[in-house]
Amino acid sequence: AAYYVLLGLAVWLLMRFLPGIPQLLDHVRQVSLLQAVASRGRLVDEASEAAATLSQGEWALVTFLSMLTALLLVLPVSWVYMLTKQRSGYDQSVVQTVIILPMTVAATVILVENRLALAFTLAAIVAAVRFRNTLKDTKDAVYIFLALAVGVAAGVYSPTVAAVMSVMFNIVVLALWELNVGNIYADQRGGDPDLLAALAPHELEEVADRAARLQAYVMARAGDKKEDRFGGVLLVHTTQPEAAQRVIEELLQLQARRWRLAEIVPAEQGRSTLEYLLRLRDEFLPATLLDALKGRGTPPIDAAEYRSLRGLKKHKGE
């Protein structure tokens, strides 16, 4: 919010002390081919001829301002992307694309808006070039679409539209991220943010994969009585596995009906992950267990996460 306020203040000061800039932009809007077609007030040929009255220096300034507008309005979008993806890990190429793409689109729109033949030529060139990139998260594509929209808005000299898109997009994304909307683990997960902050992003991505692998063991024991089945997976990350194992099993003796150490997985930087299958006693919640682990301090407990196996089974069946 502070960024947008400061940006708005800077724009107001610029327009106040350099009145020639808004006048130049108004003139460009008047001679714009897109504006002429939309208003139907003049012929396309007249708009193209009027565009030729602008000097190369004026076109350079207009292009620079449009690209700068796109950059300044898309920077907070990239920050929101990195913030909301910091736990699961974000794609650096997406971040850079979100920043660079709007500037490129803005300049391209300025290039073709008064040259109809050039617009068709550029479309043919783009159609001939194939871009192949698989995004890890479908939401990443939304950021790319927003980057395109901001670039187009800046290219047609509509900074207000671009600003509203940027602000609204960031507000909605941050709200969804903060409220954890649509997460099947929202009522089953008791992870502590302070503990999970010790994990690298790619390690957090592997948490669900390891839990899903352990699910096969649970399914193999489907014939057991319901009260004997494991209900969740506890993953504890530590640099002192032996000390951590003693601490964990002391707590499990108290809080778990039954448990089993399924695997100790080595990780980077001397860290290991202890994977426990367990069924908590009725009077204990996952958050209670995780709070107790956090209370034992670091080391030996660097981070911990609880995953419901029922949630995983439901997720896999979707």
C-alpha atoms as a PDB file:
ATOM      1  CA  ALA A   1       0.000   0.000   0.000  1.00  0.00           C
ATOM      2  CA  ALA A   2       2.814   2.387   0.904  1.00  0.00           C
ATOM      3  CA  TYR A   3       4.454   1.703  -2.453  1.00  0.00           C
ATOM      4  CA  TYR A   4       1.337   2.708  -4.379  1.00  0.00           C
ATOM      5  CA  VAL A   5       0.895   5.847  -2.255  1.00  0.00           C
ATOM      6  CA  LEU A   6       4.489   6.924  -2.889  1.00  0.00           C
ATOM      7  CA  LEU A   7       4.143   6.119  -6.580  1.00  0.00           C
ATOM      8  CA  GLY A   8       0.964   8.180  -6.831  1.00  0.00           C
ATOM      9  CA  LEU A   9       2.653  11.081  -5.046  1.00  0.00           C
ATOM     10  CA  ALA A  10       5.612  10.917  -7.425  1.00  0.00           C
ATOM     11  CA  VAL A  11       3.277  10.977 -10.449  1.00  0.00           C
ATOM     12  CA  TRP A  12       1.382  13.967  -9.038  1.00  0.00           C
ATOM     13  CA  LEU A  13       4.624  15.899  -8.488  1.00  0.00           C
ATOM     14  CA  LEU A  14       5.802  15.006 -11.998  1.00  0.00           C
ATOM     15  CA  MET A  15       2.609  16.286 -13.593  1.00  0.00           C
ATOM     16  CA  ARG A  16       2.642  19.429 -11.471  1.00  0.00           C
ATOM     17  CA  PHE A  17       6.220  20.506 -12.168  1.00  0.00           C
ATOM     18  CA  LEU A  18       6.511  19.104 -15.715  1.00  0.00           C
ATOM     19  CA  PRO A  19       3.178  19.974 -17.358  1.00  0.00           C
ATOM     20  CA  GLY A  20       4.633  19.278 -20.788  1.00  0.00           C
ATOM     21  CA  ILE A  21       4.557  15.521 -20.149  1.00  0.00           C
ATOM     22  CA  PRO A  22       0.762  15.157 -19.664  1.00  0.00           C
ATOM     23  CA  GLN A  23       0.255  17.505 -22.629  1.00  0.00           C
ATOM     24  CA  LEU A  24       2.455  15.275 -24.784  1.00  0.00           C
ATOM     25  CA  LEU A  25       0.552  12.166 -23.696  1.00  0.00           C
ATOM     26  CA  ASP A  26      -2.771  13.862 -24.468  1.00  0.00           C
ATOM     27  CA  HIS A  27      -1.494  14.733 -27.927  1.00  0.00           C
ATOM     28  CA  VAL A  28      -0.381  11.137 -28.501  1.00  0.00           C
ATOM     29  CA  ARG A  29      -3.822   9.870 -27.470  1.00  0.00           C
ATOM     30  CA  GLN A  30      -5.439  12.201 -29.973  1.00  0.00           C
ATOM     31  CA  VAL A  31      -3.331  10.945 -32.860  1.00  0.00           C
ATOM     32  CA  SER A  32      -3.477   7.324 -31.789  1.00  0.00           C
ATOM     33  CA  LEU A  33      -4.895   4.983 -34.408  1.00  0.00           C
ATOM     34  CA  LEU A  34      -6.557   2.868 -31.717  1.00  0.00           C
ATOM     35  CA  GLN A  35      -8.205   5.958 -30.256  1.00  0.00           C
ATOM     36  CA  ALA A  36      -9.362   7.047 -33.700  1.00  0.00           C
ATOM     37  CA  VAL A  37     -10.905   3.665 -34.496  1.00  0.00           C
ATOM     38  CA  ALA A  38     -12.602   3.508 -31.097  1.00  0.00           C
ATOM     39  CA  SER A  39     -14.071   7.013 -31.324  1.00  0.00           C
ATOM     40  CA  ARG A  40     -14.918   6.792 -35.052  1.00  0.00           C
ATOM     41  CA  GLY A  41     -14.377  10.512 -35.105  1.00  0.00           C
ATOM     42  CA  ARG A  42     -11.694  10.520 -37.802  1.00  0.00           C
ATOM     43  CA  LEU A  43     -10.405   8.363 -40.598  1.00  0.00           C
ATOM     44  CA  VAL A  44      -7.546   5.954 -39.968  1.00  0.00           C
ATOM     45  CA  ASP A  45      -5.421   7.662 -42.622  1.00  0.00           C
ATOM     46  CA  GLU A  46      -5.832  11.013 -40.895  1.00  0.00           C
ATOM     47  CA  ALA A  47      -4.720   9.506 -37.584  1.00  0.00           C
ATOM     48  CA  SER A  48      -1.647   7.971 -39.208  1.00  0.00           C
ATOM     49  CA  GLU A  49      -0.714  11.301 -40.794  1.00  0.00           C
ATOM     50  CA  ALA A  50      -1.146  13.092 -37.479  1.00  0.00           C
ATOM     51  CA  ALA A  51       1.167  10.572 -35.810  1.00  0.00           C
ATOM     52  CA  ALA A  52       3.921  11.621 -38.200  1.00  0.00           C
ATOM     53  CA  THR A  53       3.853  15.132 -36.712  1.00  0.00           C
ATOM     54  CA  LEU A  54       5.552  13.839 -33.552  1.00  0.00           C
ATOM     55  CA  SER A  55       9.333  14.023 -33.527  1.00  0.00           C
ATOM     56  CA  GLN A  56      11.553  11.005 -32.868  1.00  0.00           C
ATOM     57  CA  GLY A  57      12.490  12.493 -29.509  1.00  0.00           C
ATOM     58  CA  GLU A  58       8.843  12.776 -28.494  1.00  0.00           C
ATOM     59  CA  TRP A  59       8.173   9.179 -29.540  1.00  0.00           C
ATOM     60  CA  ALA A  60      11.219   8.084 -27.540  1.00  0.00           C
ATOM     61  CA  LEU A  61       9.946   9.928 -24.455  1.00  0.00           C
ATOM     62  CA  VAL A  62       6.447   8.462 -24.817  1.00  0.00           C
ATOM     63  CA  THR A  63       7.877   4.957 -25.194  1.00  0.00           C
ATOM     64  CA  PHE A  64      10.126   5.435 -22.170  1.00  0.00           C
ATOM     65  CA  LEU A  65       7.252   6.679 -20.002  1.00  0.00           C
ATOM     66  CA  SER A  66       4.996   3.801 -21.061  1.00  0.00           C
ATOM     67  CA  MET A  67       7.685   1.209 -20.341  1.00  0.00           C
ATOM     68  CA  LEU A  68       8.484   2.867 -17.004  1.00  0.00           C
ATOM     69  CA  THR A  69       4.794   2.876 -16.066  1.00  0.00           C
ATOM     70  CA  ALA A  70       4.534  -0.822 -16.843  1.00  0.00           C
ATOM     71  CA  LEU A  71       7.666  -1.578 -14.824  1.00  0.00           C
ATOM     72  CA  LEU A  72       6.625   0.418 -11.753  1.00  0.00           C
ATOM     73  CA  LEU A  73       3.142  -1.121 -11.677  1.00  0.00           C
ATOM     74  CA  VAL A  74       4.291  -4.703 -12.158  1.00  0.00           C
ATOM     75  CA  LEU A  75       7.094  -4.650  -9.568  1.00  0.00           C
ATOM     76  CA  PRO A  76       4.673  -5.092  -6.617  1.00  0.00           C
ATOM     77  CA  VAL A  77       3.051  -7.957  -8.520  1.00  0.00           C
ATOM     78  CA  SER A  78       6.407  -9.746  -8.656  1.00  0.00           C
ATOM     79  CA  TRP A  79       6.901  -9.095  -4.928  1.00  0.00           C
ATOM     80  CA  VAL A  80       3.500 -10.609  -4.155  1.00  0.00           C
ATOM     81  CA  TYR A  81       4.374 -13.622  -6.308  1.00  0.00           C
ATOM     82  CA  MET A  82       7.632 -14.231  -4.429  1.00  0.00           C
ATOM     83  CA  LEU A  83       5.950 -13.677  -1.046  1.00  0.00           C
ATOM     84  CA  THR A  84       3.085 -16.092  -1.638  1.00  0.00           C
ATOM     85  CA  LYS A  85       5.406 -18.688  -3.190  1.00  0.00           C
ATOM     86  CA  GLN A  86       8.267 -18.503  -0.710  1.00  0.00           C
ATOM     87  CA  ARG A  87       7.262 -21.713   1.067  1.00  0.00           C
ATOM     88  CA  SER A  88       6.472 -23.897  -1.916  1.00  0.00           C
ATOM     89  CA  GLY A  89       9.201 -22.340  -4.043  1.00  0.00           C
ATOM     90  CA  TYR A  90       8.811 -19.971  -6.965  1.00  0.00           C
ATOM     91  CA  ASP A  91      10.117 -20.065 -10.503  1.00  0.00           C
ATOM     92  CA  GLN A  92      12.784 -17.416 -11.096  1.00  0.00           C
ATOM     93  CA  SER A  93      11.973 -17.312 -14.800  1.00  0.00           C
ATOM     94  CA  VAL A  94       8.343 -16.443 -13.992  1.00  0.00           C
ATOM     95  CA  VAL A  95       9.469 -13.581 -11.741  1.00  0.00           C
ATOM     96  CA  GLN A  96      11.707 -12.165 -14.448  1.00  0.00           C
ATOM     97  CA  THR A  97       9.044 -12.658 -17.117  1.00  0.00           C
ATOM     98  CA  VAL A  98       6.429 -10.836 -15.045  1.00  0.00           C
ATOM     99  CA  ILE A  99       8.819  -7.883 -14.716  1.00  0.00           C
ATOM    100  CA  ILE A 100      10.112  -7.737 -18.297  1.00  0.00           C
ATOM    101  CA  LEU A 101       7.034  -8.751 -20.311  1.00  0.00           C
ATOM    102  CA  PRO A 102       4.857  -5.661 -19.595  1.00  0.00           C
ATOM    103  CA  MET A 103       7.605  -3.288 -20.750  1.00  0.00           C
ATOM    104  CA  THR A 104       8.024  -5.251 -23.965  1.00  0.00           C
ATOM    105  CA  VAL A 105       4.272  -5.331 -24.594  1.00  0.00           C
ATOM    106  CA  ALA A 106       3.923  -1.590 -23.924  1.00  0.00           C
ATOM    107  CA  ALA A 107       6.661  -0.730 -26.418  1.00  0.00           C
ATOM    108  CA  THR A 108       5.214  -3.139 -28.990  1.00  0.00           C
ATOM    109  CA  VAL A 109       1.737  -1.624 -28.712  1.00  0.00           C
ATOM    110  CA  ILE A 110       3.197   1.841 -29.321  1.00  0.00           C
ATOM    111  CA  LEU A 111       5.090   0.495 -32.321  1.00  0.00           C
ATOM    112  CA  VAL A 112       2.093  -1.016 -34.091  1.00  0.00           C
ATOM    113  CA  GLU A 113      -0.855   1.123 -33.001  1.00  0.00           C
ATOM    114  CA  ASN A 114      -0.394   3.653 -35.807  1.00  0.00           C
ATOM    115  CA  ARG A 115       0.885   1.191 -38.401  1.00  0.00           C
ATOM    116  CA  LEU A 116      -1.830  -1.251 -39.399  1.00  0.00           C
ATOM    117  CA  ALA A 117       0.329  -3.191 -41.866  1.00  0.00           C
ATOM    118  CA  LEU A 118       3.100  -3.535 -39.300  1.00  0.00           C
ATOM    119  CA  ALA A 119       0.613  -4.895 -36.768  1.00  0.00           C
ATOM    120  CA  PHE A 120      -0.379  -7.730 -39.112  1.00  0.00           C
ATOM    121  CA  THR A 121       3.276  -8.405 -39.921  1.00  0.00           C
ATOM    122  CA  LEU A 122       4.168  -8.642 -36.251  1.00  0.00           C
ATOM    123  CA  ALA A 123       1.230 -10.981 -35.621  1.00  0.00           C
ATOM    124  CA  ALA A 124       2.481 -13.277 -38.373  1.00  0.00           C
ATOM    125  CA  ILE A 125       5.994 -13.282 -36.921  1.00  0.00           C
ATOM    126  CA  VAL A 126       4.740 -14.111 -33.426  1.00  0.00           C
ATOM    127  CA  ALA A 127       2.560 -16.908 -34.822  1.00  0.00           C
ATOM    128  CA  ALA A 128       5.614 -18.433 -36.477  1.00  0.00           C
ATOM    129  CA  VAL A 129       7.615 -18.461 -33.249  1.00  0.00           C
ATOM    130  CA  ARG A 130       6.794 -21.244 -30.814  1.00  0.00           C
ATOM    131  CA  PHE A 131       7.268 -20.767 -27.095  1.00  0.00           C
ATOM    132  CA  ARG A 132       7.454 -23.948 -25.060  1.00  0.00           C
ATOM    133  CA  ASN A 133       7.474 -23.648 -21.291  1.00  0.00           C
ATOM    134  CA  THR A 134       5.660 -25.743 -18.693  1.00  0.00           C
ATOM    135  CA  LEU A 135       4.618 -23.843 -15.576  1.00  0.00           C
ATOM    136  CA  LYS A 136       4.801 -25.695 -12.265  1.00  0.00           C
ATOM    137  CA  ASP A 137       1.702 -23.938 -10.955  1.00  0.00           C
ATOM    138  CA  THR A 138      -1.357 -23.027 -13.006  1.00  0.00           C
ATOM    139  CA  LYS A 139      -1.624 -19.767 -11.044  1.00  0.00           C
ATOM    140  CA  ASP A 140       1.682 -18.693 -12.590  1.00  0.00           C
ATOM    141  CA  ALA A 141      -0.151 -18.295 -15.901  1.00  0.00           C
ATOM    142  CA  VAL A 142      -2.433 -15.724 -14.262  1.00  0.00           C
ATOM    143  CA  TYR A 143       0.599 -13.596 -13.434  1.00  0.00           C
ATOM    144  CA  ILE A 144       1.669 -13.775 -17.073  1.00  0.00           C
ATOM    145  CA  PHE A 145      -1.795 -12.686 -18.240  1.00  0.00           C
ATOM    146  CA  LEU A 146      -1.741  -9.777 -15.794  1.00  0.00           C
ATOM    147  CA  ALA A 147       1.704  -8.769 -17.045  1.00  0.00           C
ATOM    148  CA  LEU A 148       0.311  -8.720 -20.595  1.00  0.00           C
ATOM    149  CA  ALA A 149      -2.691  -6.642 -19.517  1.00  0.00           C
ATOM    150  CA  VAL A 150      -0.553  -4.101 -17.649  1.00  0.00           C
ATOM    151  CA  GLY A 151       1.724  -3.823 -20.656  1.00  0.00           C
ATOM    152  CA  VAL A 152      -1.177  -3.216 -23.039  1.00  0.00           C
ATOM    153  CA  ALA A 153      -2.703  -0.610 -20.709  1.00  0.00           C
ATOM    154  CA  ALA A 154       0.613   1.215 -20.471  1.00  0.00           C
ATOM    155  CA  GLY A 155       1.062   0.993 -24.239  1.00  0.00           C
ATOM    156  CA  VAL A 156      -2.286   2.684 -24.937  1.00  0.00           C
ATOM    157  CA  TYR A 157      -1.513   5.418 -22.372  1.00  0.00           C
ATOM    158  CA  SER A 158      -4.001   4.256 -19.721  1.00  0.00           C
ATOM    159  CA  PRO A 159      -1.888   4.224 -16.544  1.00  0.00           C
ATOM    160  CA  THR A 160      -4.986   4.480 -14.361  1.00  0.00           C
ATOM    161  CA  VAL A 161      -6.349   1.210 -15.742  1.00  0.00           C
ATOM    162  CA  ALA A 162      -2.951  -0.447 -15.288  1.00  0.00           C
ATOM    163  CA  ALA A 163      -2.724   0.831 -11.706  1.00  0.00           C
ATOM    164  CA  VAL A 164      -6.202  -0.444 -10.796  1.00  0.00           C
ATOM    165  CA  MET A 165      -5.379  -3.867 -12.267  1.00  0.00           C
ATOM    166  CA  SER A 166      -2.128  -4.036 -10.301  1.00  0.00           C
ATOM    167  CA  VAL A 167      -3.697  -2.969  -6.994  1.00  0.00           C
ATOM    168  CA  MET A 168      -6.776  -5.199  -7.246  1.00  0.00           C
ATOM    169  CA  PHE A 169      -4.759  -8.225  -8.349  1.00  0.00           C
ATOM    170  CA  ASN A 170      -2.346  -7.891  -5.429  1.00  0.00           C
ATOM    171  CA  ILE A 171      -5.156  -7.396  -2.905  1.00  0.00           C
ATOM    172  CA  VAL A 172      -7.018 -10.500  -4.069  1.00  0.00           C
ATOM    173  CA  VAL A 173      -3.905 -12.695  -4.253  1.00  0.00           C
ATOM    174  CA  LEU A 174      -2.732 -11.634  -0.789  1.00  0.00           C
ATOM    175  CA  ALA A 175      -6.217 -12.243   0.642  1.00  0.00           C
ATOM    176  CA  LEU A 176      -6.394 -15.742  -0.862  1.00  0.00           C
ATOM    177  CA  TRP A 177      -2.900 -16.498   0.408  1.00  0.00           C
ATOM    178  CA  GLU A 178      -3.571 -15.175   3.914  1.00  0.00           C
ATOM    179  CA  LEU A 179      -6.944 -16.956   4.252  1.00  0.00           C
ATOM    180  CA  ASN A 180      -5.552 -20.166   2.736  1.00  0.00           C
ATOM    181  CA  VAL A 181      -8.620 -20.474   0.504  1.00  0.00           C
ATOM    182  CA  GLY A 182      -9.132 -23.881  -1.082  1.00  0.00           C
ATOM    183  CA  ASN A 183      -6.481 -25.741   0.925  1.00  0.00           C
ATOM    184  CA  ILE A 184      -7.681 -29.266   1.745  1.00  0.00           C
ATOM    185  CA  TYR A 185      -5.272 -29.282   4.699  1.00  0.00           C
ATOM    186  CA  ALA A 186      -6.704 -26.120   6.241  1.00  0.00           C
ATOM    187  CA  ASP A 187      -8.460 -28.003   9.059  1.00  0.00           C
ATOM    188  CA  GLN A 188      -6.019 -30.910   9.236  1.00  0.00           C
ATOM    189  CA  ARG A 189      -2.709 -29.155   9.402  1.00  0.00           C
ATOM    190  CA  GLY A 190      -1.009 -27.947  12.547  1.00  0.00           C
ATOM    191  CA  GLY A 191       2.311 -26.772  11.195  1.00  0.00           C
ATOM    192  CA  ASP A 192       3.995 -23.860  12.936  1.00  0.00           C
ATOM    193  CA  PRO A 193       5.273 -21.075  10.631  1.00  0.00           C
ATOM    194  CA  ASP A 194       8.342 -20.451  12.802  1.00  0.00           C
ATOM    195  CA  LEU A 195       9.352 -24.091  12.569  1.00  0.00           C
ATOM    196  CA  LEU A 196       8.603 -24.390   8.870  1.00  0.00           C
ATOM    197  CA  ALA A 197      10.655 -21.281   8.123  1.00  0.00           C
ATOM    198  CA  ALA A 198      13.755 -23.395   8.723  1.00  0.00           C
ATOM    199  CA  LEU A 199      13.019 -25.412   5.581  1.00  0.00           C
ATOM    200  CA  ALA A 200      14.257 -24.612   2.116  1.00  0.00           C
ATOM    201  CA  PRO A 201      11.423 -24.174  -0.458  1.00  0.00           C
ATOM    202  CA  HIS A 202      12.278 -27.325  -2.393  1.00  0.00           C
ATOM    203  CA  GLU A 203      12.274 -29.321   0.855  1.00  0.00           C
ATOM    204  CA  LEU A 204       8.736 -28.175   1.593  1.00  0.00           C
ATOM    205  CA  GLU A 205       7.687 -29.320  -1.871  1.00  0.00           C
ATOM    206  CA  GLU A 206       8.983 -32.782  -1.033  1.00  0.00           C
ATOM    207  CA  VAL A 207       6.931 -33.039   2.171  1.00  0.00           C
ATOM    208  CA  ALA A 208       3.698 -34.033   0.432  1.00  0.00           C
ATOM    209  CA  ASP A 209       5.547 -36.423  -1.885  1.00  0.00           C
ATOM    210  CA  ARG A 210       7.098 -38.299   1.032  1.00  0.00           C
ATOM    211  CA  ALA A 211       3.780 -38.416   2.855  1.00  0.00           C
ATOM    212  CA  ALA A 212       2.084 -39.819  -0.233  1.00  0.00           C
ATOM    213  CA  ARG A 213       4.750 -42.516  -0.443  1.00  0.00           C
ATOM    214  CA  LEU A 214       4.022 -43.520   3.131  1.00  0.00           C
ATOM    215  CA  GLN A 215       0.331 -43.692   2.281  1.00  0.00           C
ATOM    216  CA  ALA A 216       1.019 -46.940   0.414  1.00  0.00           C
ATOM    217  CA  TYR A 217       2.018 -48.525   3.697  1.00  0.00           C
ATOM    218  CA  VAL A 218      -1.248 -47.421   5.270  1.00  0.00           C
ATOM    219  CA  MET A 219      -3.300 -48.768   2.385  1.00  0.00           C
ATOM    220  CA  ALA A 220      -1.550 -52.125   2.709  1.00  0.00           C
ATOM    221  CA  ARG A 221      -2.875 -52.326   6.260  1.00  0.00           C
ATOM    222  CA  ALA A 222      -6.454 -51.416   5.338  1.00  0.00           C
ATOM    223  CA  GLY A 223      -7.659 -54.614   6.964  1.00  0.00           C
ATOM    224  CA  ASP A 224      -6.690 -53.396  10.439  1.00  0.00           C
ATOM    225  CA  LYS A 225      -9.309 -52.164  12.822  1.00  0.00           C
ATOM    226  CA  LYS A 226     -10.102 -48.485  12.450  1.00  0.00           C
ATOM    227  CA  GLU A 227      -8.641 -47.597  15.828  1.00  0.00           C
ATOM    228  CA  ASP A 228      -5.375 -49.307  14.890  1.00  0.00           C
ATOM    229  CA  ARG A 229      -4.823 -47.520  11.588  1.00  0.00           C
ATOM    230  CA  PHE A 230      -2.372 -44.668  11.280  1.00  0.00           C
ATOM    231  CA  GLY A 231      -4.072 -41.315  10.815  1.00  0.00           C
ATOM    232  CA  GLY A 232      -1.208 -39.009   9.941  1.00  0.00           C
ATOM    233  CA  VAL A 233       2.430 -38.465   9.126  1.00  0.00           C
ATOM    234  CA  LEU A 234       4.800 -36.421  11.258  1.00  0.00           C
ATOM    235  CA  LEU A 235       7.842 -35.064   9.441  1.00  0.00           C
ATOM    236  CA  VAL A 236      10.594 -33.626  11.609  1.00  0.00           C
ATOM    237  CA  HIS A 237      13.658 -31.916  10.141  1.00  0.00           C
ATOM    238  CA  THR A 238      16.818 -31.875  12.198  1.00  0.00           C
ATOM    239  CA  THR A 239      20.597 -31.767  12.102  1.00  0.00           C
ATOM    240  CA  GLN A 240      20.779 -34.060  15.140  1.00  0.00           C
ATOM    241  CA  PRO A 241      18.651 -37.095  14.248  1.00  0.00           C
ATOM    242  CA  GLU A 242      19.514 -39.204  17.289  1.00  0.00           C
ATOM    243  CA  ALA A 243      18.718 -36.441  19.781  1.00  0.00           C
ATOM    244  CA  ALA A 244      15.596 -35.490  17.840  1.00  0.00           C
ATOM    245  CA  GLN A 245      14.405 -39.099  17.792  1.00  0.00           C
ATOM    246  CA  ARG A 246      14.611 -39.311  21.572  1.00  0.00           C
ATOM    247  CA  VAL A 247      12.655 -36.073  21.995  1.00  0.00           C
ATOM    248  CA  ILE A 248       9.996 -37.052  19.463  1.00  0.00           C
ATOM    249  CA  GLU A 249       9.417 -40.520  20.829  1.00  0.00           C
ATOM    250  CA  GLU A 250       9.092 -39.219  24.381  1.00  0.00           C
ATOM    251  CA  LEU A 251       6.247 -36.994  23.198  1.00  0.00           C
ATOM    252  CA  LEU A 252       4.670 -39.726  21.085  1.00  0.00           C
ATOM    253  CA  GLN A 253       4.601 -42.083  24.058  1.00  0.00           C
ATOM    254  CA  LEU A 254       2.378 -39.518  25.737  1.00  0.00           C
ATOM    255  CA  GLN A 255       0.253 -38.170  22.877  1.00  0.00           C
ATOM    256  CA  ALA A 256      -0.002 -41.004  20.311  1.00  0.00           C
ATOM    257  CA  ARG A 257      -2.110 -44.151  20.479  1.00  0.00           C
ATOM    258  CA  ARG A 258       0.383 -45.874  18.191  1.00  0.00           C
ATOM    259  CA  TRP A 259       3.313 -44.768  16.051  1.00  0.00           C
ATOM    260  CA  ARG A 260       6.152 -46.088  13.929  1.00  0.00           C
ATOM    261  CA  LEU A 261       9.380 -44.537  12.651  1.00  0.00           C
ATOM    262  CA  ALA A 262       8.978 -45.224   8.928  1.00  0.00           C
ATOM    263  CA  GLU A 263      12.117 -43.669   7.490  1.00  0.00           C
ATOM    264  CA  ILE A 264      15.046 -41.329   8.110  1.00  0.00           C
ATOM    265  CA  VAL A 265      15.750 -39.392   4.909  1.00  0.00           C
ATOM    266  CA  PRO A 266      19.080 -37.564   4.509  1.00  0.00           C
ATOM    267  CA  ALA A 267      18.847 -34.000   3.167  1.00  0.00           C
ATOM    268  CA  GLU A 268      21.185 -31.145   2.311  1.00  0.00           C
ATOM    269  CA  GLN A 269      23.550 -29.347   4.700  1.00  0.00           C
ATOM    270  CA  GLY A 270      23.668 -32.255   7.118  1.00  0.00           C
ATOM    271  CA  ARG A 271      19.937 -32.185   7.784  1.00  0.00           C
ATOM    272  CA  SER A 272      17.791 -35.303   8.084  1.00  0.00           C
ATOM    273  CA  THR A 273      14.039 -35.828   8.001  1.00  0.00           C
ATOM    274  CA  LEU A 274      12.431 -38.260  10.433  1.00  0.00           C
ATOM    275  CA  GLU A 275       9.148 -39.620   9.110  1.00  0.00           C
ATOM    276  CA  TYR A 276       6.693 -41.052  11.640  1.00  0.00           C
ATOM    277  CA  LEU A 277       3.397 -42.771  10.947  1.00  0.00           C
ATOM    278  CA  LEU A 278       1.131 -42.194  13.924  1.00  0.00           C
ATOM    279  CA  ARG A 279      -2.367 -42.095  15.315  1.00  0.00           C
ATOM    280  CA  LEU A 280      -2.896 -39.460  17.986  1.00  0.00           C
ATOM    281  CA  ARG A 281      -4.927 -40.062  21.097  1.00  0.00           C
ATOM    282  CA  ASP A 282      -8.401 -38.562  21.018  1.00  0.00           C
ATOM    283  CA  GLU A 283      -7.511 -35.876  23.548  1.00  0.00           C
ATOM    284  CA  PHE A 284      -4.580 -34.525  21.514  1.00  0.00           C
ATOM    285  CA  LEU A 285      -4.541 -32.463  18.330  1.00  0.00           C
ATOM    286  CA  PRO A 286      -1.743 -32.134  15.724  1.00  0.00           C
ATOM    287  CA  ALA A 287      -1.210 -28.537  16.840  1.00  0.00           C
ATOM    288  CA  THR A 288      -0.641 -29.763  20.401  1.00  0.00           C
ATOM    289  CA  LEU A 289       2.086 -32.125  19.258  1.00  0.00           C
ATOM    290  CA  LEU A 290       3.753 -29.483  17.088  1.00  0.00           C
ATOM    291  CA  ASP A 291       3.661 -26.913  19.891  1.00  0.00           C
ATOM    292  CA  ALA A 292       5.322 -29.439  22.178  1.00  0.00           C
ATOM    293  CA  LEU A 293       8.029 -30.076  19.578  1.00  0.00           C
ATOM    294  CA  LYS A 294       8.608 -26.364  19.181  1.00  0.00           C
ATOM    295  CA  GLY A 295       8.937 -26.027  22.923  1.00  0.00           C
ATOM    296  CA  ARG A 296      11.880 -28.418  22.902  1.00  0.00           C
ATOM    297  CA  GLY A 297      13.880 -25.817  20.962  1.00  0.00           C
ATOM    298  CA  THR A 298      16.369 -25.754  18.094  1.00  0.00           C
ATOM    299  CA  PRO A 299      18.374 -27.911  18.021  1.00  0.00           C
ATOM    300  CA  PRO A 300      17.406 -30.712  17.928  1.00  0.00           C
ATOM    301  CA  ILE A 301      14.043 -29.825  16.304  1.00  0.00           C
ATOM    302  CA  ASP A 302      14.581 -27.485  13.355  1.00  0.00           C
ATOM    303  CA  ALA A 303      11.132 -27.782  11.774  1.00  0.00           C
ATOM    304  CA  ALA A 304       8.112 -30.076  11.798  1.00  0.00           C
ATOM    305  CA  GLU A 305       4.911 -30.679   9.880  1.00  0.00           C
ATOM    306  CA  TYR A 306       1.902 -32.918  10.341  1.00  0.00           C
ATOM    307  CA  ARG A 307      -0.013 -34.328   7.370  1.00  0.00           C
ATOM    308  CA  SER A 308      -3.356 -36.087   7.619  1.00  0.00           C
ATOM    309  CA  LEU A 309      -3.366 -39.310   5.621  1.00  0.00           C
ATOM    310  CA  ARG A 310      -7.112 -38.990   5.151  1.00  0.00           C
ATOM    311  CA  GLY A 311      -6.553 -35.649   3.482  1.00  0.00           C
ATOM    312  CA  LEU A 312      -3.912 -37.127   1.198  1.00  0.00           C
ATOM    313  CA  LYS A 313      -6.191 -39.980   0.183  1.00  0.00           C
ATOM    314  CA  LYS A 314      -8.992 -37.571  -0.659  1.00  0.00           C
ATOM    315  CA  HIS A 315      -6.621 -35.348  -2.602  1.00  0.00           C
ATOM    316  CA  LYS A 316      -5.261 -38.211  -4.672  1.00  0.00           C
ATOM    317  CA  GLY A 317      -8.758 -39.331  -5.606  1.00  0.00           C
ATOM    318  CA  GLU A 318      -9.738 -35.964  -7.109  1.00  0.00           C
END
